Amino acid sequence: MKVYRFDGEDHGLSHCMKAVDFIVDDNDSYLFIEFKDPENPKAYSGNIKKFYQDFFSRSLCETLKQKYRDSFLYHWALAQPEKPIYYYVLVAIESLTAPALLSCTDDLKRMLPLYGPKTGRWRRSIVARCAVFNIAAWNHYLSQFPIRRLSGSTNGQGLSAIEVAQGDEQPQRPFSTSHGDGS
């Protein structure tokens, strides 16, 4: 398994394209992972309130859709080996309820679109699966990639960090947010 910090600027994406935070190249699939941590103590003042507004107004899903599509297009243009792509969004807010996470997941599935257009003319999907998780839900459904918040909750740069391990192996390089604002 390889975990890549996927920064659009570092990978030649133009300023008008958005990128997911991480791409994991697993043996039989790719995981596109977006990490949101608006409760990070180093986040901009008022960020959590705006995040909740965006989350419940569905404008967050618009941003998530754009990040996935731009990352998919970049990945496709590289002619990477064909494997299913799973898009997972980790929102580090434990107070988000299962129904709220499911509602956001359903909205994202419609926006991508997970099942393609109603005409049924697509022969390949652009995403095999997508889901929005908080930390508890992630650890429940993706137990093969357990995560936990690192002690002190920052990585020395004022950015929140999450540690990921595969099974009993030593943790991989920590996932961390790309911005202090939790985006």
N, C-alpha and C. Protein backbone atom coordinates (compact mmCIF):
# COMPACT_ATOMS: atom_id res chain seq x y z
N MET A 1 0.85 -1.18 0.00
CA MET A 1 0.00 0.00 0.00
C MET A 1 0.89 1.23 0.00
N LYS A 2 0.56 2.18 -0.84
CA LYS A 2 1.27 3.45 -0.89
C LYS A 2 0.28 4.57 -0.62
N VAL A 3 0.69 5.51 0.25
CA VAL A 3 -0.15 6.67 0.57
C VAL A 3 0.56 7.90 0.01
N TYR A 4 -0.14 8.66 -0.82
CA TYR A 4 0.41 9.87 -1.41
C TYR A 4 -0.34 11.09 -0.90
N ARG A 5 0.40 12.08 -0.45
CA ARG A 5 -0.19 13.39 -0.16
C ARG A 5 -0.41 14.01 -1.51
N PHE A 6 -1.64 14.27 -1.86
CA PHE A 6 -1.96 14.73 -3.20
C PHE A 6 -2.26 16.22 -3.17
N ASP A 7 -1.25 17.02 -3.44
CA ASP A 7 -1.40 18.47 -3.47
C ASP A 7 -1.43 18.86 -4.95
N GLY A 8 -2.53 19.44 -5.37
CA GLY A 8 -2.71 19.79 -6.77
C GLY A 8 -1.58 20.60 -7.36
N GLU A 9 -1.08 21.60 -6.61
CA GLU A 9 0.00 22.43 -7.14
C GLU A 9 1.27 21.63 -7.34
N ASP A 10 1.57 20.72 -6.40
CA ASP A 10 2.76 19.88 -6.52
C ASP A 10 2.66 18.90 -7.68
N HIS A 11 1.45 18.58 -8.10
CA HIS A 11 1.25 17.62 -9.17
C HIS A 11 0.88 18.28 -10.50
N GLY A 12 1.04 19.58 -10.59
CA GLY A 12 0.83 20.26 -11.85
C GLY A 12 -0.60 20.61 -12.18
N LEU A 13 -1.52 20.46 -11.24
CA LEU A 13 -2.89 20.89 -11.50
C LEU A 13 -2.91 22.41 -11.53
N SER A 14 -3.67 22.94 -12.42
CA SER A 14 -3.75 24.39 -12.52
C SER A 14 -4.49 24.96 -11.32
N HIS A 15 -4.39 26.25 -11.15
CA HIS A 15 -5.05 26.91 -10.03
C HIS A 15 -6.57 26.78 -10.08
N CYS A 16 -7.13 26.42 -11.20
CA CYS A 16 -8.58 26.29 -11.30
C CYS A 16 -9.06 24.87 -11.02
N MET A 17 -8.12 23.96 -10.74
CA MET A 17 -8.50 22.59 -10.41
C MET A 17 -8.28 22.34 -8.92
N LYS A 18 -9.12 21.52 -8.34
CA LYS A 18 -9.03 21.16 -6.93
C LYS A 18 -8.56 19.71 -6.84
N ALA A 19 -7.92 19.36 -5.72
CA ALA A 19 -7.44 18.00 -5.54
C ALA A 19 -7.88 17.45 -4.19
N VAL A 20 -8.09 16.13 -4.14
CA VAL A 20 -8.34 15.47 -2.87
C VAL A 20 -7.04 15.52 -2.07
N ASP A 21 -7.12 15.27 -0.77
CA ASP A 21 -5.94 15.38 0.08
C ASP A 21 -4.97 14.21 -0.07
N PHE A 22 -5.50 12.99 -0.25
CA PHE A 22 -4.64 11.81 -0.31
C PHE A 22 -5.14 10.84 -1.35
N ILE A 23 -4.20 10.14 -1.95
CA ILE A 23 -4.52 9.00 -2.80
C ILE A 23 -3.76 7.81 -2.24
N VAL A 24 -4.49 6.75 -1.95
CA VAL A 24 -3.88 5.51 -1.45
C VAL A 24 -3.95 4.50 -2.58
N ASP A 25 -2.81 3.99 -2.97
CA ASP A 25 -2.72 2.95 -4.00
C ASP A 25 -2.64 1.62 -3.28
N ASP A 26 -3.79 0.97 -3.13
CA ASP A 26 -3.85 -0.33 -2.48
C ASP A 26 -3.68 -1.38 -3.57
N ASN A 27 -3.56 -2.63 -3.21
CA ASN A 27 -3.31 -3.69 -4.20
C ASN A 27 -4.37 -3.76 -5.28
N ASP A 28 -5.63 -3.65 -4.89
CA ASP A 28 -6.70 -3.85 -5.87
C ASP A 28 -7.63 -2.66 -6.03
N SER A 29 -7.26 -1.51 -5.48
CA SER A 29 -8.11 -0.32 -5.61
C SER A 29 -7.31 0.94 -5.30
N TYR A 30 -7.91 2.07 -5.63
CA TYR A 30 -7.39 3.37 -5.22
C TYR A 30 -8.39 3.96 -4.23
N LEU A 31 -7.86 4.60 -3.20
CA LEU A 31 -8.70 5.34 -2.26
C LEU A 31 -8.37 6.81 -2.44
N PHE A 32 -9.36 7.60 -2.78
CA PHE A 32 -9.22 9.04 -2.81
C PHE A 32 -9.79 9.51 -1.48
N ILE A 33 -8.98 10.21 -0.68
CA ILE A 33 -9.40 10.61 0.65
C ILE A 33 -9.33 12.12 0.81
N GLU A 34 -10.44 12.68 1.25
CA GLU A 34 -10.52 14.10 1.59
C GLU A 34 -10.69 14.19 3.10
N PHE A 35 -9.92 15.05 3.73
CA PHE A 35 -9.93 15.17 5.19
C PHE A 35 -10.36 16.57 5.58
N LYS A 36 -11.37 16.66 6.41
CA LYS A 36 -11.87 17.94 6.92
C LYS A 36 -11.79 17.93 8.44
N ASP A 37 -11.20 18.98 9.02
CA ASP A 37 -11.06 19.06 10.47
C ASP A 37 -11.36 20.47 10.96
N PRO A 38 -12.61 20.89 10.88
CA PRO A 38 -12.94 22.27 11.27
C PRO A 38 -12.86 22.53 12.76
N GLU A 39 -12.82 21.49 13.60
CA GLU A 39 -12.70 21.69 15.04
C GLU A 39 -11.25 21.80 15.50
N ASN A 40 -10.34 21.74 14.57
CA ASN A 40 -8.92 21.90 14.87
C ASN A 40 -8.73 23.23 15.61
N PRO A 41 -8.07 23.22 16.77
CA PRO A 41 -7.88 24.45 17.53
C PRO A 41 -7.13 25.54 16.76
N LYS A 42 -6.37 25.15 15.75
CA LYS A 42 -5.62 26.12 14.95
C LYS A 42 -6.41 26.63 13.75
N ALA A 43 -7.63 26.14 13.58
CA ALA A 43 -8.45 26.59 12.45
C ALA A 43 -8.83 28.05 12.64
N TYR A 44 -9.17 28.70 11.54
CA TYR A 44 -9.55 30.11 11.58
C TYR A 44 -10.79 30.30 12.45
N SER A 45 -10.86 31.40 13.12
CA SER A 45 -11.98 31.73 13.99
C SER A 45 -13.29 31.69 13.18
N GLY A 46 -14.30 31.09 13.75
CA GLY A 46 -15.59 31.01 13.09
C GLY A 46 -15.68 29.91 12.06
N ASN A 47 -14.62 29.14 11.86
CA ASN A 47 -14.61 28.12 10.83
C ASN A 47 -15.63 27.02 11.09
N ILE A 48 -15.79 26.63 12.35
CA ILE A 48 -16.71 25.53 12.65
C ILE A 48 -18.15 25.91 12.32
N LYS A 49 -18.53 27.13 12.60
CA LYS A 49 -19.89 27.58 12.28
C LYS A 49 -20.12 27.57 10.76
N LYS A 50 -19.16 28.09 10.02
CA LYS A 50 -19.27 28.09 8.56
C LYS A 50 -19.29 26.67 8.02
N PHE A 51 -18.46 25.80 8.59
CA PHE A 51 -18.43 24.41 8.14
C PHE A 51 -19.80 23.77 8.31
N TYR A 52 -20.42 23.94 9.49
CA TYR A 52 -21.75 23.38 9.71
C TYR A 52 -22.76 23.96 8.72
N GLN A 53 -22.68 25.25 8.44
CA GLN A 53 -23.59 25.85 7.46
C GLN A 53 -23.39 25.20 6.09
N ASP A 54 -22.13 25.04 5.69
CA ASP A 54 -21.82 24.42 4.40
C ASP A 54 -22.26 22.96 4.37
N PHE A 55 -22.02 22.24 5.47
CA PHE A 55 -22.38 20.83 5.55
C PHE A 55 -23.88 20.63 5.38
N PHE A 56 -24.66 21.40 6.13
CA PHE A 56 -26.11 21.20 6.11
C PHE A 56 -26.81 21.91 4.96
N SER A 57 -26.14 22.83 4.28
CA SER A 57 -26.73 23.47 3.10
C SER A 57 -26.34 22.73 1.82
N ARG A 58 -25.51 21.75 1.94
CA ARG A 58 -25.02 20.92 0.83
C ARG A 58 -23.97 21.61 -0.04
N SER A 59 -23.54 22.81 0.33
CA SER A 59 -22.48 23.43 -0.47
C SER A 59 -21.15 22.72 -0.25
N LEU A 60 -20.97 22.06 0.89
CA LEU A 60 -19.76 21.25 1.09
C LEU A 60 -19.70 20.13 0.05
N CYS A 61 -20.84 19.52 -0.25
CA CYS A 61 -20.86 18.45 -1.26
C CYS A 61 -20.45 18.96 -2.63
N GLU A 62 -20.79 20.20 -2.95
CA GLU A 62 -20.35 20.79 -4.22
C GLU A 62 -18.82 20.84 -4.28
N THR A 63 -18.19 21.25 -3.18
CA THR A 63 -16.73 21.30 -3.11
C THR A 63 -16.14 19.90 -3.19
N LEU A 64 -16.73 18.96 -2.47
CA LEU A 64 -16.25 17.58 -2.49
C LEU A 64 -16.37 16.97 -3.88
N LYS A 65 -17.47 17.27 -4.56
CA LYS A 65 -17.67 16.79 -5.93
C LYS A 65 -16.58 17.32 -6.84
N GLN A 66 -16.30 18.61 -6.77
CA GLN A 66 -15.29 19.23 -7.61
C GLN A 66 -13.91 18.63 -7.35
N LYS A 67 -13.57 18.43 -6.08
CA LYS A 67 -12.26 17.85 -5.74
C LYS A 67 -12.13 16.45 -6.31
N TYR A 68 -13.19 15.65 -6.19
CA TYR A 68 -13.13 14.30 -6.73
C TYR A 68 -12.98 14.32 -8.25
N ARG A 69 -13.84 15.08 -8.92
CA ARG A 69 -13.82 15.08 -10.38
C ARG A 69 -12.48 15.56 -10.94
N ASP A 70 -11.92 16.61 -10.36
CA ASP A 70 -10.62 17.10 -10.83
C ASP A 70 -9.51 16.08 -10.56
N SER A 71 -9.55 15.44 -9.39
CA SER A 71 -8.56 14.42 -9.06
C SER A 71 -8.71 13.21 -9.98
N PHE A 72 -9.95 12.81 -10.24
CA PHE A 72 -10.22 11.70 -11.14
C PHE A 72 -9.67 12.01 -12.54
N LEU A 73 -9.95 13.20 -13.03
CA LEU A 73 -9.48 13.58 -14.36
C LEU A 73 -7.95 13.54 -14.43
N TYR A 74 -7.30 14.07 -13.42
CA TYR A 74 -5.84 14.04 -13.36
C TYR A 74 -5.34 12.60 -13.34
N HIS A 75 -5.92 11.78 -12.49
CA HIS A 75 -5.54 10.37 -12.35
C HIS A 75 -5.77 9.62 -13.67
N TRP A 76 -6.91 9.86 -14.31
CA TRP A 76 -7.24 9.23 -15.59
C TRP A 76 -6.23 9.62 -16.67
N ALA A 77 -5.86 10.90 -16.70
CA ALA A 77 -4.93 11.39 -17.72
C ALA A 77 -3.53 10.78 -17.55
N LEU A 78 -3.18 10.36 -16.35
CA LEU A 78 -1.90 9.69 -16.11
C LEU A 78 -1.90 8.25 -16.61
N ALA A 79 -3.06 7.77 -17.03
CA ALA A 79 -3.22 6.39 -17.50
C ALA A 79 -2.75 5.39 -16.46
N GLN A 80 -3.19 5.63 -15.21
CA GLN A 80 -2.88 4.71 -14.12
C GLN A 80 -3.57 3.37 -14.39
N PRO A 81 -3.05 2.29 -13.80
CA PRO A 81 -3.72 0.99 -13.97
C PRO A 81 -5.18 1.09 -13.56
N GLU A 82 -6.03 0.40 -14.31
CA GLU A 82 -7.46 0.47 -14.01
C GLU A 82 -7.79 -0.40 -12.81
N LYS A 83 -8.23 0.26 -11.76
CA LYS A 83 -8.70 -0.38 -10.54
C LYS A 83 -9.87 0.46 -10.05
N PRO A 84 -10.77 -0.11 -9.28
CA PRO A 84 -11.87 0.71 -8.75
C PRO A 84 -11.33 1.83 -7.86
N ILE A 85 -12.04 2.95 -7.89
CA ILE A 85 -11.69 4.10 -7.06
C ILE A 85 -12.79 4.29 -6.02
N TYR A 86 -12.37 4.37 -4.76
CA TYR A 86 -13.28 4.63 -3.66
C TYR A 86 -12.97 6.02 -3.12
N TYR A 87 -14.00 6.83 -2.99
CA TYR A 87 -13.84 8.21 -2.50
C TYR A 87 -14.39 8.28 -1.10
N TYR A 88 -13.50 8.55 -0.16
CA TYR A 88 -13.88 8.62 1.25
C TYR A 88 -13.57 10.00 1.80
N VAL A 89 -14.54 10.55 2.50
CA VAL A 89 -14.38 11.86 3.13
C VAL A 89 -14.41 11.63 4.64
N LEU A 90 -13.36 12.07 5.30
CA LEU A 90 -13.26 11.96 6.75
C LEU A 90 -13.48 13.34 7.35
N VAL A 91 -14.55 13.48 8.11
CA VAL A 91 -14.87 14.73 8.79
C VAL A 91 -14.63 14.50 10.27
N ALA A 92 -13.62 15.14 10.82
CA ALA A 92 -13.21 14.90 12.21
C ALA A 92 -14.08 15.69 13.19
N ILE A 93 -15.38 15.41 13.14
CA ILE A 93 -16.34 15.99 14.08
C ILE A 93 -17.17 14.83 14.60
N GLU A 94 -16.94 14.46 15.83
CA GLU A 94 -17.64 13.31 16.40
C GLU A 94 -19.13 13.56 16.58
N SER A 95 -19.54 14.82 16.70
CA SER A 95 -20.95 15.11 16.96
C SER A 95 -21.84 14.95 15.72
N LEU A 96 -21.25 14.74 14.54
CA LEU A 96 -22.07 14.51 13.36
C LEU A 96 -22.75 13.15 13.51
N THR A 97 -24.05 13.13 13.38
CA THR A 97 -24.82 11.91 13.58
C THR A 97 -24.76 11.01 12.35
N ALA A 98 -25.09 9.74 12.54
CA ALA A 98 -25.14 8.80 11.43
C ALA A 98 -26.10 9.28 10.34
N PRO A 99 -27.30 9.78 10.68
CA PRO A 99 -28.19 10.27 9.62
C PRO A 99 -27.58 11.45 8.85
N ALA A 100 -26.87 12.35 9.53
CA ALA A 100 -26.25 13.49 8.84
C ALA A 100 -25.16 13.01 7.89
N LEU A 101 -24.36 12.05 8.33
CA LEU A 101 -23.30 11.50 7.48
C LEU A 101 -23.90 10.77 6.28
N LEU A 102 -24.96 10.00 6.52
CA LEU A 102 -25.63 9.27 5.44
C LEU A 102 -26.26 10.23 4.43
N SER A 103 -26.86 11.29 4.91
CA SER A 103 -27.47 12.29 4.03
C SER A 103 -26.41 12.94 3.14
N CYS A 104 -25.28 13.29 3.73
CA CYS A 104 -24.19 13.88 2.95
C CYS A 104 -23.65 12.87 1.93
N THR A 105 -23.52 11.61 2.34
CA THR A 105 -23.06 10.56 1.43
C THR A 105 -24.02 10.42 0.26
N ASP A 106 -25.32 10.39 0.53
CA ASP A 106 -26.32 10.26 -0.54
C ASP A 106 -26.26 11.44 -1.50
N ASP A 107 -26.12 12.65 -0.97
CA ASP A 107 -25.99 13.84 -1.82
C ASP A 107 -24.76 13.73 -2.71
N LEU A 108 -23.66 13.31 -2.14
CA LEU A 108 -22.41 13.19 -2.90
C LEU A 108 -22.55 12.13 -4.00
N LYS A 109 -23.19 11.02 -3.70
CA LYS A 109 -23.41 9.96 -4.70
C LYS A 109 -24.20 10.50 -5.89
N ARG A 110 -25.21 11.32 -5.60
CA ARG A 110 -26.01 11.90 -6.69
C ARG A 110 -25.20 12.90 -7.51
N MET A 111 -24.38 13.69 -6.83
CA MET A 111 -23.63 14.74 -7.52
C MET A 111 -22.49 14.22 -8.37
N LEU A 112 -21.88 13.10 -8.01
CA LEU A 112 -20.69 12.64 -8.75
C LEU A 112 -20.97 12.22 -10.19
N PRO A 113 -21.84 11.54 -10.66
CA PRO A 113 -22.81 10.63 -10.07
C PRO A 113 -22.22 9.23 -9.92
N LEU A 114 -22.53 8.57 -8.84
CA LEU A 114 -22.00 7.25 -8.55
C LEU A 114 -22.46 6.22 -9.58
N TYR A 115 -23.70 6.30 -10.00
CA TYR A 115 -24.25 5.28 -10.89
C TYR A 115 -24.31 5.73 -12.36
N GLY A 116 -23.73 6.86 -12.67
CA GLY A 116 -23.74 7.34 -14.05
C GLY A 116 -25.08 7.95 -14.42
N PRO A 117 -25.20 8.43 -15.65
CA PRO A 117 -26.46 9.06 -16.07
C PRO A 117 -27.58 8.02 -16.21
N LYS A 118 -28.80 8.48 -16.15
CA LYS A 118 -29.96 7.59 -16.21
C LYS A 118 -30.06 6.87 -17.55
N THR A 119 -29.39 7.37 -18.58
CA THR A 119 -29.46 6.72 -19.89
C THR A 119 -28.81 5.34 -19.88
N GLY A 120 -27.93 5.10 -18.91
CA GLY A 120 -27.26 3.81 -18.83
C GLY A 120 -26.21 3.59 -19.89
N ARG A 121 -25.77 4.65 -20.53
CA ARG A 121 -24.83 4.53 -21.65
C ARG A 121 -23.38 4.39 -21.21
N TRP A 122 -23.07 4.75 -19.95
CA TRP A 122 -21.69 4.61 -19.49
C TRP A 122 -21.33 3.14 -19.38
N ARG A 123 -20.15 2.80 -19.84
CA ARG A 123 -19.65 1.43 -19.74
C ARG A 123 -18.71 1.26 -18.54
N ARG A 124 -18.24 2.37 -18.02
CA ARG A 124 -17.35 2.37 -16.85
C ARG A 124 -17.84 3.42 -15.87
N SER A 125 -17.62 3.16 -14.60
CA SER A 125 -18.00 4.15 -13.61
C SER A 125 -16.80 5.04 -13.30
N ILE A 126 -17.08 6.24 -12.83
CA ILE A 126 -15.99 7.14 -12.45
C ILE A 126 -15.65 6.99 -10.97
N VAL A 127 -16.51 6.31 -10.22
CA VAL A 127 -16.26 6.06 -8.80
C VAL A 127 -17.02 4.78 -8.43
N ALA A 128 -16.33 3.87 -7.74
CA ALA A 128 -16.97 2.61 -7.37
C ALA A 128 -17.79 2.75 -6.09
N ARG A 129 -17.32 3.60 -5.20
CA ARG A 129 -18.00 3.77 -3.91
C ARG A 129 -17.59 5.12 -3.33
N CYS A 130 -18.49 5.73 -2.59
CA CYS A 130 -18.13 6.95 -1.86
C CYS A 130 -18.89 6.96 -0.55
N ALA A 131 -18.28 7.60 0.46
CA ALA A 131 -18.92 7.69 1.77
C ALA A 131 -18.29 8.83 2.56
N VAL A 132 -19.08 9.40 3.45
CA VAL A 132 -18.62 10.45 4.35
C VAL A 132 -18.65 9.87 5.77
N PHE A 133 -17.52 9.98 6.47
CA PHE A 133 -17.36 9.39 7.79
C PHE A 133 -16.91 10.41 8.82
N ASN A 134 -17.27 10.19 10.09
CA ASN A 134 -16.53 10.81 11.18
C ASN A 134 -15.53 9.74 11.63
N ILE A 135 -14.71 10.02 12.64
CA ILE A 135 -13.66 9.08 13.03
C ILE A 135 -14.25 7.75 13.50
N ALA A 136 -15.30 7.79 14.31
CA ALA A 136 -15.91 6.56 14.81
C ALA A 136 -16.46 5.71 13.66
N ALA A 137 -17.16 6.32 12.73
CA ALA A 137 -17.72 5.58 11.59
C ALA A 137 -16.60 5.01 10.71
N TRP A 138 -15.55 5.81 10.49
CA TRP A 138 -14.40 5.32 9.70
C TRP A 138 -13.86 4.04 10.33
N ASN A 139 -13.59 4.09 11.64
CA ASN A 139 -13.01 2.93 12.32
C ASN A 139 -13.95 1.73 12.32
N HIS A 140 -15.24 1.98 12.27
CA HIS A 140 -16.20 0.89 12.21
C HIS A 140 -16.23 0.25 10.82
N TYR A 141 -16.35 1.06 9.79
CA TYR A 141 -16.53 0.55 8.43
C TYR A 141 -15.23 0.27 7.69
N LEU A 142 -14.17 0.95 8.07
CA LEU A 142 -12.87 0.75 7.42
C LEU A 142 -11.85 0.28 8.46
N SER A 143 -12.20 -0.76 9.16
CA SER A 143 -11.36 -1.24 10.26
C SER A 143 -9.98 -1.70 9.79
N GLN A 144 -9.83 -2.00 8.52
CA GLN A 144 -8.52 -2.37 8.00
C GLN A 144 -7.56 -1.18 7.95
N PHE A 145 -8.10 0.04 8.08
CA PHE A 145 -7.31 1.28 8.12
C PHE A 145 -7.69 2.07 9.37
N PRO A 146 -7.40 1.55 10.56
CA PRO A 146 -7.82 2.27 11.77
C PRO A 146 -7.12 3.62 11.90
N ILE A 147 -7.85 4.59 12.42
CA ILE A 147 -7.28 5.92 12.60
C ILE A 147 -7.51 6.40 14.02
N ARG A 148 -6.70 7.34 14.43
CA ARG A 148 -6.87 8.00 15.71
C ARG A 148 -6.23 9.36 15.62
N ARG A 149 -6.73 10.28 16.43
CA ARG A 149 -6.14 11.61 16.48
C ARG A 149 -4.82 11.51 17.21
N LEU A 150 -3.78 12.12 16.66
CA LEU A 150 -2.48 12.09 17.31
C LEU A 150 -2.49 12.91 18.59
N SER A 151 -1.70 12.52 19.53
CA SER A 151 -1.58 13.24 20.80
C SER A 151 -1.22 14.69 20.53
N GLY A 152 -1.88 15.59 21.21
CA GLY A 152 -1.63 17.01 21.00
C GLY A 152 -2.35 17.57 19.80
N SER A 153 -2.90 16.75 18.95
CA SER A 153 -3.74 17.07 17.79
C SER A 153 -3.12 17.99 16.75
N THR A 154 -1.82 18.25 16.82
CA THR A 154 -1.21 19.01 15.73
C THR A 154 0.08 18.33 15.30
N ASN A 155 0.51 18.63 14.10
CA ASN A 155 1.72 17.98 13.59
C ASN A 155 2.93 18.91 13.64
N GLY A 156 2.92 19.91 14.48
CA GLY A 156 4.05 20.83 14.59
C GLY A 156 3.93 22.02 13.68
N GLN A 157 3.00 21.98 12.74
CA GLN A 157 2.78 23.11 11.83
C GLN A 157 1.43 23.74 12.09
N GLY A 158 0.83 23.41 13.23
CA GLY A 158 -0.49 23.95 13.53
C GLY A 158 -1.59 23.24 12.77
N LEU A 159 -1.27 22.08 12.19
CA LEU A 159 -2.26 21.35 11.42
C LEU A 159 -2.67 20.11 12.18
N SER A 160 -3.94 19.80 12.19
CA SER A 160 -4.43 18.61 12.86
C SER A 160 -3.91 17.40 12.12
N ALA A 161 -3.65 16.33 12.85
CA ALA A 161 -3.12 15.13 12.22
C ALA A 161 -3.89 13.90 12.67
N ILE A 162 -4.01 12.96 11.76
CA ILE A 162 -4.65 11.68 12.01
C ILE A 162 -3.63 10.61 11.64
N GLU A 163 -3.51 9.60 12.46
CA GLU A 163 -2.58 8.52 12.21
C GLU A 163 -3.34 7.34 11.62
N VAL A 164 -2.76 6.72 10.60
CA VAL A 164 -3.40 5.60 9.93
C VAL A 164 -2.47 4.40 9.97
N ALA A 165 -3.00 3.26 10.34
CA ALA A 165 -2.22 2.03 10.35
C ALA A 165 -2.99 0.98 9.57
N GLN A 166 -2.26 0.03 8.99
CA GLN A 166 -2.92 -1.08 8.31
C GLN A 166 -2.71 -2.32 9.15
N GLY A 167 -3.79 -2.83 9.72
CA GLY A 167 -3.72 -4.02 10.56
C GLY A 167 -2.80 -3.82 11.74
N ASP A 168 -1.87 -4.77 11.95
CA ASP A 168 -0.94 -4.71 13.07
C ASP A 168 0.37 -4.04 12.70
N GLU A 169 0.46 -3.51 11.48
CA GLU A 169 1.69 -2.86 11.05
C GLU A 169 1.88 -1.55 11.79
N GLN A 170 3.07 -1.01 11.68
CA GLN A 170 3.35 0.31 12.23
C GLN A 170 2.54 1.33 11.44
N PRO A 171 2.12 2.42 12.06
CA PRO A 171 1.33 3.43 11.34
C PRO A 171 2.10 3.98 10.15
N GLN A 172 1.34 4.26 9.09
CA GLN A 172 1.91 4.92 7.92
C GLN A 172 2.13 6.39 8.25
N ARG A 173 2.69 7.12 7.33
CA ARG A 173 2.84 8.56 7.51
C ARG A 173 1.49 9.16 7.86
N PRO A 174 1.45 10.05 8.86
CA PRO A 174 0.13 10.60 9.26
C PRO A 174 -0.54 11.36 8.14
N PHE A 175 -1.87 11.25 8.09
CA PHE A 175 -2.67 12.10 7.23
C PHE A 175 -2.80 13.42 7.97
N SER A 176 -2.65 14.53 7.32
CA SER A 176 -2.90 15.80 7.98
C SER A 176 -3.59 16.74 7.03
N THR A 177 -4.32 17.68 7.61
CA THR A 177 -5.05 18.62 6.77
C THR A 177 -4.08 19.47 6.00
N SER A 178 -4.54 19.95 4.87
CA SER A 178 -3.68 20.75 4.02
C SER A 178 -3.67 22.23 4.44
N HIS A 179 -4.66 22.62 5.23
CA HIS A 179 -4.77 24.03 5.61
C HIS A 179 -5.15 24.12 7.08
N GLY A 180 -4.76 25.17 7.73
CA GLY A 180 -5.15 25.38 9.11
C GLY A 180 -6.62 25.69 9.28
N ASP A 181 -7.34 25.86 8.20
CA ASP A 181 -8.74 26.20 8.29
C ASP A 181 -9.65 24.97 8.27
N GLY A 182 -9.05 23.81 8.28
CA GLY A 182 -9.84 22.59 8.31
C GLY A 182 -10.32 22.14 6.95
N SER A 183 -9.90 22.82 5.89
CA SER A 183 -10.37 22.41 4.56
C SER A 183 -9.43 21.46 3.91
